[in-house]
Protein backbone atom coordinates (compact mmCIF):
# COMPACT_ATOMS: atom_id res chain seq x y z
CA MET A 1 -38.85 35.03 -49.82
CA LYS A 2 -35.31 33.43 -49.19
CA LYS A 3 -33.86 36.58 -47.96
CA PHE A 4 -36.50 37.41 -45.64
CA ILE A 5 -36.46 34.01 -43.67
CA ALA A 6 -32.58 34.54 -44.02
CA GLY A 7 -32.69 38.00 -42.66
CA PHE A 8 -35.24 36.52 -39.78
CA LEU A 9 -32.95 33.89 -38.74
CA LEU A 10 -29.39 36.21 -38.36
CA ALA A 11 -32.13 38.64 -35.89
CA LEU A 12 -33.00 35.82 -33.86
CA CYS A 13 -29.48 34.42 -33.51
CA THR A 14 -28.49 37.58 -32.54
CA LEU A 15 -31.18 37.63 -30.09
CA LEU A 16 -31.03 34.32 -28.44
CA PRO A 17 -27.60 35.01 -26.48
CA LEU A 18 -29.88 38.12 -24.99
CA LEU A 19 -32.39 36.18 -24.00
CA ARG A 20 -30.76 33.47 -22.13
CA ALA A 21 -28.49 36.03 -20.25
CA GLU A 22 -31.74 37.52 -19.25
CA ASP A 23 -32.92 33.87 -18.34
CA MET A 24 -29.79 33.43 -16.62
CA ALA A 25 -30.21 36.75 -14.10
CA PHE A 26 -29.98 35.46 -10.71
CA THR A 27 -31.81 36.67 -7.79
CA LYS A 28 -30.35 38.86 -4.80
CA GLU A 29 -31.12 35.83 -2.63
CA GLU A 30 -29.72 33.37 -4.75
CA GLN A 31 -26.90 35.42 -5.84
CA ALA A 32 -26.01 35.41 -2.20
CA VAL A 33 -26.19 31.68 -2.15
CA LEU A 34 -23.70 31.55 -4.95
CA ASP A 35 -21.38 34.21 -2.83
CA ARG A 36 -21.25 31.75 0.22
CA VAL A 37 -20.57 28.61 -2.20
CA GLN A 38 -17.50 30.30 -3.70
CA VAL A 39 -16.25 30.46 -0.77
CA PHE A 40 -15.96 26.41 -0.89
CA SER A 41 -14.41 26.83 -4.20
CA GLU A 42 -11.87 28.98 -2.86
CA ALA A 43 -10.92 26.91 -0.19
CA PHE A 44 -10.01 24.16 -3.11
CA GLU A 45 -7.87 26.32 -4.67
CA ILE A 46 -6.08 27.41 -1.67
CA ILE A 47 -5.46 24.17 -0.87
CA ALA A 48 -4.17 22.79 -4.13
CA ALA A 49 -1.78 25.86 -4.60
CA ARG A 50 -0.60 24.92 -1.30
CA VAL A 51 0.13 21.32 -1.37
CA ARG A 52 1.10 21.14 -5.01
CA PRO A 53 4.40 22.59 -4.89
CA ALA A 54 4.98 19.58 -2.22
CA VAL A 55 4.13 16.70 -4.64
CA VAL A 56 6.59 15.27 -6.84
CA ASN A 57 6.72 13.30 -10.09
CA ILE A 58 8.57 9.99 -9.39
CA ARG A 59 9.71 7.64 -12.44
CA ALA A 60 11.11 4.27 -11.67
CA GLU A 61 13.43 2.44 -14.09
CA ARG A 62 13.80 -1.16 -13.71
CA PRO A 63 16.10 -3.88 -15.69
CA GLY A 64 14.25 -5.14 -18.60
CA ALA A 65 11.16 -3.21 -18.15
CA PRO A 66 9.15 -0.04 -19.10
CA VAL A 67 9.82 3.24 -16.84
CA SER A 68 7.12 3.30 -14.76
CA GLN A 69 5.82 6.53 -12.94
CA GLY A 70 3.80 7.36 -9.88
CA SER A 71 4.00 9.91 -7.45
CA GLY A 72 5.02 11.44 -3.87
CA VAL A 73 5.00 13.52 -1.18
CA ILE A 74 7.58 15.65 0.69
CA VAL A 75 7.51 15.29 4.26
CA ASP A 76 10.34 16.33 5.81
CA LYS A 77 13.08 19.63 4.60
CA ARG A 78 15.20 17.16 4.45
CA GLY A 79 14.33 15.40 1.71
CA PHE A 80 12.13 12.57 2.57
CA ILE A 81 9.46 11.61 0.25
CA ILE A 82 6.68 9.13 0.90
CA THR A 83 5.63 7.20 -2.16
CA ASN A 84 4.22 3.99 -2.58
CA SER A 85 6.29 0.45 -2.50
CA HIS A 86 4.64 -0.38 -5.39
CA VAL A 87 5.93 2.57 -7.43
CA VAL A 88 9.50 2.29 -6.61
CA ASN A 89 9.99 -1.59 -5.87
CA SER A 90 12.77 -2.84 -8.06
CA ALA A 91 13.91 0.02 -9.36
CA SER A 92 17.80 0.75 -10.27
CA THR A 93 17.45 4.10 -10.80
CA ILE A 94 14.54 6.78 -9.45
CA VAL A 95 14.32 10.19 -10.67
CA THR A 96 11.68 12.88 -9.17
CA GLN A 97 10.87 16.13 -10.71
CA LEU A 98 9.51 18.84 -8.58
CA THR A 99 6.12 21.06 -9.78
CA ASP A 100 8.85 23.89 -10.63
CA GLY A 101 10.33 21.65 -12.76
CA ARG A 102 13.88 20.78 -10.94
CA GLU A 103 14.45 17.12 -11.75
CA PHE A 104 16.61 15.22 -8.68
CA PRO A 105 17.97 11.89 -8.62
CA ALA A 106 16.62 9.60 -5.07
CA GLU A 107 17.73 7.45 -3.29
CA LEU A 108 15.48 4.22 -1.66
CA VAL A 109 16.23 4.68 1.69
CA GLY A 110 13.45 1.58 2.40
CA GLU A 111 10.12 0.18 1.76
CA SER A 112 7.39 -1.65 3.41
CA PRO A 113 5.85 -4.02 1.09
CA GLU A 114 3.50 -5.17 3.53
CA SER A 115 2.00 -2.09 3.57
CA ASP A 116 2.79 -0.50 0.43
CA ILE A 117 4.71 2.29 1.61
CA ALA A 118 8.22 3.34 0.80
CA VAL A 119 10.48 6.26 1.30
CA ILE A 120 12.68 7.88 -0.89
CA ARG A 121 15.01 11.15 -0.31
CA ILE A 122 16.21 13.54 -2.76
CA GLN A 123 19.46 16.35 -1.90
CA ALA A 124 17.59 19.63 -2.95
CA PRO A 125 17.49 23.31 -1.81
CA ASP A 126 14.42 25.06 -1.27
CA LEU A 127 11.58 22.49 -1.07
CA THR A 128 7.87 22.75 -0.13
CA VAL A 129 7.08 20.16 2.85
CA ALA A 130 3.89 18.99 2.97
CA ASN A 131 1.71 19.06 6.25
CA MET A 132 0.45 15.51 8.34
CA GLY A 133 -2.50 15.19 9.42
CA ASP A 134 -3.89 13.36 11.68
CA SER A 135 -6.44 10.51 9.56
CA ASP A 136 -7.88 9.25 12.85
CA GLN A 137 -9.61 12.49 13.29
CA CYS A 138 -11.40 12.03 9.59
CA LYS A 139 -15.03 11.22 8.96
CA VAL A 140 -17.04 9.68 7.00
CA GLY A 141 -18.31 12.14 4.29
CA GLY A 142 -15.98 14.78 4.70
CA TRP A 143 -14.40 16.52 1.67
CA VAL A 144 -10.62 15.59 0.70
CA LEU A 145 -8.60 16.58 -2.27
CA ALA A 146 -6.64 14.07 -4.25
CA ILE A 147 -2.99 15.23 -5.66
CA GLY A 148 -0.62 13.84 -7.85
CA ASN A 149 2.16 14.23 -10.25
CA PRO A 150 1.32 11.77 -13.43
CA PHE A 151 3.61 11.28 -16.10
CA GLY A 152 5.76 15.03 -15.35
CA LEU A 153 2.06 16.93 -16.30
CA GLU A 154 2.93 19.69 -13.32
CA SER A 155 0.12 18.07 -10.92
CA SER A 156 -3.57 16.35 -11.23
CA VAL A 157 -6.24 17.58 -8.53
CA THR A 158 -8.90 15.75 -7.93
CA SER A 159 -12.19 16.12 -4.99
CA GLY A 160 -14.46 13.81 -3.62
CA ILE A 161 -15.33 12.93 0.25
CA ILE A 162 -14.43 10.18 2.66
CA SER A 163 -16.76 7.19 1.38
CA ALA A 164 -15.53 4.52 4.09
CA LYS A 165 -12.84 4.12 6.75
CA GLY A 166 -11.02 0.72 7.87
CA ARG A 167 -11.26 -1.20 4.33
CA SER A 168 -9.01 -4.41 4.55
CA ASN A 169 -9.45 -6.41 1.95
CA VAL A 170 -8.76 -4.00 -1.00
CA VAL A 171 -5.35 -5.36 -1.87
CA ARG A 172 -2.96 -8.09 -0.87
CA LEU A 173 -1.21 -6.29 1.97
CA GLU A 174 -0.38 -7.65 5.02
CA ILE A 175 -0.66 -4.46 7.02
CA ALA A 176 -4.03 -2.72 5.71
CA ASP A 177 -6.16 -0.40 6.93
CA PHE A 178 -7.77 1.84 3.99
CA LEU A 179 -9.33 4.71 3.52
CA GLN A 180 -11.62 4.66 0.48
CA THR A 181 -12.79 8.25 -1.32
CA ASP A 182 -14.72 8.63 -4.56
CA ALA A 183 -12.06 11.17 -5.47
CA PRO A 184 -10.69 9.62 -9.01
CA ILE A 185 -7.23 8.75 -8.03
CA ASN A 186 -5.81 9.10 -11.81
CA PRO A 187 -3.05 6.48 -13.45
CA GLY A 188 0.21 8.02 -12.10
CA ASN A 189 -1.23 9.48 -8.94
CA SER A 190 -0.31 6.62 -6.59
CA GLY A 191 1.79 7.61 -3.62
CA GLY A 192 0.08 11.26 -3.91
CA PRO A 193 -1.51 12.81 -0.68
CA LEU A 194 -5.10 12.82 0.30
CA VAL A 195 -5.62 15.97 1.77
CA ASN A 196 -8.53 17.52 4.25
CA LEU A 197 -9.82 20.75 3.83
CA LYS A 198 -7.19 21.89 6.38
CA GLY A 199 -4.30 21.17 3.99
CA GLU A 200 -3.37 18.37 5.84
CA VAL A 201 -2.07 15.05 4.22
CA ILE A 202 -4.27 12.37 5.99
CA GLY A 203 -3.69 9.44 3.49
CA ILE A 204 -1.68 8.10 0.34
CA THR A 205 -3.48 7.33 -2.51
CA THR A 206 -2.67 3.50 -3.38
CA ALA A 207 -5.22 1.45 -5.38
CA THR A 208 -7.76 2.14 -7.21
CA ASN A 209 -11.16 -0.57 -8.02
CA ARG A 210 -10.99 -1.25 -11.88
CA TYR A 211 -14.23 -2.74 -11.76
CA SER A 212 -16.17 0.52 -10.25
CA GLU A 213 -15.96 3.96 -10.83
CA GLY A 214 -15.96 6.00 -7.13
CA LEU A 215 -13.81 3.47 -5.42
CA SER A 216 -10.28 4.40 -4.61
CA PHE A 217 -8.42 3.73 -1.52
CA ALA A 218 -5.52 5.77 0.48
CA ILE A 219 -3.27 4.60 3.42
CA PRO A 220 -4.14 6.66 6.62
CA ILE A 221 -0.81 8.78 7.22
CA ASN A 222 -1.12 7.56 10.55
CA LEU A 223 -0.32 4.28 9.51
CA ALA A 224 2.29 5.71 6.86
CA ARG A 225 4.14 7.99 9.54
CA ILE A 226 4.75 5.30 11.61
CA VAL A 227 5.86 2.76 8.69
CA MET A 228 7.98 5.95 7.08
CA ASN A 229 9.71 6.38 11.13
CA GLY A 230 10.48 2.95 11.07
CA ILE A 231 11.81 3.27 7.79
CA ILE A 232 14.11 6.27 8.57
CA SER A 233 15.50 5.21 12.02
CA HIS A 234 15.83 1.67 11.12
CA LYS A 235 16.15 1.35 6.98
CA ARG A 236 13.16 -1.04 7.15
CA THR A 237 10.29 -1.70 8.94
CA THR A 238 10.22 -4.00 12.17
CA SER A 239 6.69 -5.47 12.49
CA SER A 240 5.42 -6.37 16.14
CA TYR A 241 3.52 -9.24 17.12
CA LEU A 242 1.57 -10.91 20.03
CA GLY A 243 2.24 -14.97 18.45
CA VAL A 244 -1.74 -15.75 18.42
CA VAL A 245 -3.93 -16.71 15.40
CA PHE A 246 -7.18 -14.41 14.95
CA ARG A 247 -9.94 -14.97 12.98
CA PRO A 248 -13.29 -12.79 12.85
CA VAL A 249 -16.31 -12.41 15.40
CA THR A 250 -19.26 -14.13 13.28
CA SER A 251 -22.98 -13.06 14.73
CA ASP A 252 -23.10 -17.08 15.55
CA ILE A 253 -19.65 -16.76 17.91
CA ALA A 254 -21.27 -13.18 19.56
CA SER A 255 -24.56 -14.42 20.28
CA ALA A 256 -23.87 -17.52 21.97
CA PHE A 257 -21.55 -15.11 24.23
CA ASN A 258 -24.33 -12.16 24.31
CA LEU A 259 -21.93 -9.89 22.59
CA PRO A 260 -21.30 -7.56 19.65
CA ALA A 261 -20.28 -9.01 16.44
CA ARG A 262 -16.97 -7.31 16.67
CA GLY A 263 -13.67 -8.11 18.00
CA ALA A 264 -10.99 -11.11 16.99
CA LEU A 265 -11.38 -14.06 18.23
CA VAL A 266 -8.13 -16.05 19.20
CA THR A 267 -7.90 -19.40 17.65
CA LYS A 268 -4.43 -20.30 18.58
CA VAL A 269 -1.62 -18.93 21.20
CA ILE A 270 1.96 -19.48 20.39
CA ALA A 271 4.60 -20.94 23.28
CA ASN A 272 6.99 -18.40 24.43
CA THR A 273 5.57 -15.37 22.61
CA PRO A 274 4.07 -12.15 24.57
CA ALA A 275 0.10 -14.04 24.36
CA ALA A 276 1.21 -16.87 25.80
CA LYS A 277 3.14 -15.15 28.79
CA ALA A 278 0.51 -12.61 29.02
CA GLY A 279 -1.92 -15.33 29.74
CA LEU A 280 -4.09 -15.24 26.49
CA HIS A 281 -6.38 -18.13 25.87
CA VAL A 282 -7.71 -20.00 22.53
CA GLY A 283 -11.42 -18.58 22.50
CA ASP A 284 -10.49 -15.41 24.04
CA ILE A 285 -12.36 -12.26 21.95
CA ILE A 286 -10.22 -9.00 22.11
CA VAL A 287 -12.36 -5.72 21.65
CA ARG A 288 -9.74 -3.19 22.64
CA TYR A 289 -6.12 -2.95 22.34
CA GLY A 290 -4.32 0.13 24.04
CA ASN A 291 -7.44 2.87 23.46
CA ARG A 292 -8.73 1.94 20.53
CA ASP A 293 -11.57 -0.33 19.91
CA VAL A 294 -10.71 -3.16 17.72
CA ARG A 295 -13.68 -3.84 14.78
CA ASP A 296 -12.36 -7.00 13.47
CA ASP A 297 -9.18 -9.41 13.18
CA ASN A 298 -7.63 -7.15 10.18
CA GLN A 299 -7.88 -4.34 12.34
CA LEU A 300 -5.88 -5.73 15.43
CA ARG A 301 -3.59 -7.15 12.64
CA THR A 302 -2.41 -3.94 11.71
CA PHE A 303 -2.95 -1.90 15.11
CA VAL A 304 -0.36 -5.35 16.08
CA ALA A 305 1.90 -4.88 13.25
CA THR A 306 2.30 -0.86 13.78
CA SER A 307 3.37 -1.07 17.67
CA SER A 308 6.56 0.00 18.61
CA PRO A 309 8.39 -3.27 19.87
CA GLY A 310 8.76 -3.65 23.63
CA HIS A 311 5.97 -1.31 24.82
CA ASP A 312 3.25 -2.45 27.32
CA ILE A 313 -0.23 -2.37 25.78
CA ALA A 314 -3.65 -2.82 27.58
CA LEU A 315 -5.26 -5.48 26.16
CA GLU A 316 -9.36 -5.69 26.52
CA PHE A 317 -11.29 -9.31 25.61
CA TYR A 318 -14.00 -11.63 26.80
CA ARG A 319 -12.96 -15.15 27.90
CA LYS A 320 -16.62 -16.83 28.27
CA GLY A 321 -18.70 -13.76 28.81
CA GLU A 322 -16.41 -12.06 31.33
CA LYS A 323 -14.69 -8.53 30.01
CA MET A 324 -11.31 -8.73 31.14
CA GLN A 325 -7.67 -6.64 30.74
CA VAL A 326 -4.30 -7.46 30.92
CA ASP A 327 -0.76 -5.60 29.87
CA ILE A 328 1.20 -7.49 27.22
CA GLN A 329 3.93 -6.30 25.80
CA VAL A 330 4.86 -6.38 22.12
CA ALA A 331 7.92 -7.97 20.56
CA ALA A 332 9.55 -7.57 16.99
CA LEU A 333 9.00 -10.32 15.01
CA PRO A 334 11.49 -12.82 14.52
CA GLU A 335 13.78 -11.71 11.75
CA GLU A 336 13.08 -15.75 10.21
CA VAL A 337 9.09 -15.16 10.20
CA VAL A 338 9.79 -12.02 8.33
CA VAL A 339 12.15 -13.42 6.18
CA GLY A 340 10.08 -16.20 5.63
CA ARG A 341 6.98 -14.07 4.84
CA ARG A 342 8.71 -11.73 2.41
CA SER A 343 9.93 -15.18 0.60
CA ARG A 344 7.36 -16.69 0.19
CA LYS A 345 5.32 -14.07 -1.01
CA LEU A 346 7.70 -13.37 -3.91
CA LEU A 347 7.92 -16.93 -4.94
CA GLU A 348 3.52 -16.58 -5.18
CA ASP A 349 4.34 -13.48 -7.14
CA ILE A 350 6.37 -15.00 -9.46
CA GLY A 351 4.38 -18.10 -9.82
CA LEU A 352 7.08 -20.59 -8.29
CA LEU A 353 5.00 -22.93 -6.57
CA GLN A 354 6.58 -26.12 -4.88
CA THR A 355 10.06 -26.66 -4.83
CA VAL A 356 11.81 -29.71 -2.93
CA SER A 357 15.35 -30.74 -2.10
CA LEU A 358 16.91 -32.53 -4.73
CA THR A 359 17.58 -36.67 -3.56
CA ASP A 360 19.64 -39.52 -5.30
CA LYS A 361 16.10 -41.32 -6.18
CA LEU A 362 15.20 -37.67 -8.01
CA ARG A 363 18.53 -37.08 -9.77
CA ALA A 364 18.08 -41.31 -11.42
CA GLN A 365 14.18 -40.40 -12.21
CA LEU A 366 15.17 -37.57 -13.74
CA GLY A 367 18.38 -38.25 -15.63
CA TYR A 368 20.77 -35.78 -13.55
CA GLY A 369 23.84 -37.24 -12.67
CA LYS A 370 25.17 -37.94 -9.18
CA ASP A 371 27.22 -34.25 -8.98
CA ALA A 372 24.24 -32.26 -9.48
CA THR A 373 22.86 -29.96 -7.17
CA GLY A 374 20.27 -27.38 -6.61
CA VAL A 375 16.46 -26.95 -5.50
CA LEU A 376 14.15 -29.20 -7.97
CA VAL A 377 11.05 -27.37 -9.22
CA VAL A 378 8.05 -29.05 -8.38
CA ALA A 379 5.33 -26.90 -9.62
CA VAL A 380 5.03 -23.68 -11.66
CA LYS A 381 1.91 -21.03 -12.31
CA LYS A 382 0.75 -21.26 -15.55
CA ASN A 383 1.09 -18.02 -17.53
CA SER A 384 3.22 -16.53 -14.66
CA PRO A 385 6.70 -14.60 -15.02
CA ALA A 386 8.26 -17.83 -13.73
CA HIS A 387 6.58 -20.15 -16.45
CA THR A 388 8.46 -18.62 -19.18
CA PHE A 389 11.78 -19.80 -18.07
CA LEU A 390 11.20 -22.70 -15.21
CA ALA A 391 9.27 -26.08 -15.73
CA PRO A 392 8.60 -28.82 -12.98
CA GLY A 393 12.15 -30.71 -13.57
CA SER A 394 14.23 -27.32 -13.29
CA LEU A 395 17.09 -26.83 -11.27
CA ILE A 396 17.50 -24.03 -9.43
CA LEU A 397 21.44 -23.36 -8.79
CA THR A 398 22.15 -19.98 -7.30
CA VAL A 399 19.81 -17.32 -6.11
CA ASP A 400 21.47 -13.56 -5.90
CA GLY A 401 25.05 -15.85 -6.36
CA LYS A 402 24.35 -17.97 -3.52
CA PRO A 403 24.49 -21.80 -4.10
CA VAL A 404 20.88 -23.45 -3.21
CA GLU A 405 20.16 -27.04 -2.15
CA THR A 406 17.20 -27.08 -0.22
CA PRO A 407 13.90 -24.62 -0.21
CA GLU A 408 15.07 -23.52 3.06
CA GLN A 409 18.59 -21.92 1.94
CA MET A 410 16.87 -20.27 -1.00
CA HIS A 411 13.70 -18.95 0.94
CA GLN A 412 16.82 -17.12 3.43
CA VAL A 413 18.60 -16.16 0.18
CA ILE A 414 15.19 -14.24 -1.11
CA GLY A 415 14.03 -13.22 1.95
CA SER A 416 17.14 -11.67 2.93
CA ALA A 417 18.04 -10.03 -0.39
CA THR A 418 17.71 -6.15 -0.84
CA GLY A 419 18.39 -5.54 -4.54
CA CYS A 420 17.06 -7.50 -7.74
CA ILE A 421 17.40 -11.04 -7.51
CA THR A 422 19.28 -13.31 -10.52
CA MET A 423 18.12 -17.14 -10.49
CA THR A 424 20.73 -19.13 -12.90
CA TRP A 425 19.02 -22.86 -13.72
CA ARG A 426 19.56 -26.14 -15.75
CA PHE A 427 16.71 -28.12 -17.12
CA GLY A 428 18.32 -31.00 -18.38
CA GLN A 429 21.35 -29.98 -20.03
CA PHE A 430 20.14 -26.84 -20.91
CA TYR A 431 21.66 -23.53 -18.44
CA GLY A 432 19.74 -20.15 -17.66
CA SER A 433 19.96 -17.01 -15.79
CA ARG A 434 16.82 -14.84 -15.36
CA ARG A 435 16.77 -11.51 -13.62
CA ILE A 436 13.48 -12.40 -11.99
CA VAL A 437 12.38 -10.43 -8.60
CA CYS A 438 13.23 -7.27 -7.46
CA LYS A 439 12.45 -5.92 -3.55
């Protein structure tokens, strides 16, 4: 009996694959549909094969920190590569690896932490250059590929669709207008290209939402191109400004003037700025900037920041319900404002919350001698980088090798620095030095 059962099971196992193969046979109509879908798959294969050689792996070495890795995309035969600022920020050494295995050292041409875009350059022959598309033309629902070169594993390709456009409250950036996609962005893929089905780069991948699957973001290539051109021509980006403070147009504000709930409400006009010279008023609702409609204040801020200084832009706005238009000449953001913003962001990142100038009264209260100099630390964020070496009552003596005696001097040095920043400090009779921030 046992032999019979064993023989029956053996015969059944032999027949099952044949039965499944017969069950899986497709009709002619079904096969025709599958053949048409195969063209779609082949399109992905063609695009991936063409773009992958233009995608590089980037290894960034930082003093006292583990080597970090990301991706980048070659956009110029001269060796220019776009990546994320956060991939190469603070790096003392940058090495790129191409898909063919070649490795080249890279120089940091410049970066824009405000938009998370950086440009590096390699000196290498026979480079494959990716084609840049027009991100303004991409549509929600359009198919895209996200390509990266993570951890030197040749390349990684994922697919998805454009889920949304114009996302601004994703990460804390001054200039933000993200494309949202459900194409997975793998670790190490930051800085790689987001590609449409024409094989064109329409975005630079930059962020994922760690708390939710299917939420990844890319910087539109039109924005990245503007920043890149500014970096290549000026070595750093020069943001433009109007000289106004914006806020969103709420439904209450819109209904009060019988307008759609979109645009940017002017809440302050700064004297002697382009906005003041053009005659903008508090209460104006800006709805169009040049040939682009303004969705909200964040989008307008990005439009302005990425405009070329000195150019006239037509603004459309509503004033007390009446539609008006004025030409305004955007100007380069004053250097002191740029320096101040960078300095505040860097100090916030490390957790140094408040500083003041050292006075004779404070010297006496804290037990410092009459000849003591430096910037007095008042508040430090707990569990922050600054908290590991500074405390209330500490004196910051030098920044980047320059003595500082006022918070203004310290902000100027930090905001103007282009390399790693070293602080020297004292706390009572204890002295120390710490390399804390790189730009």
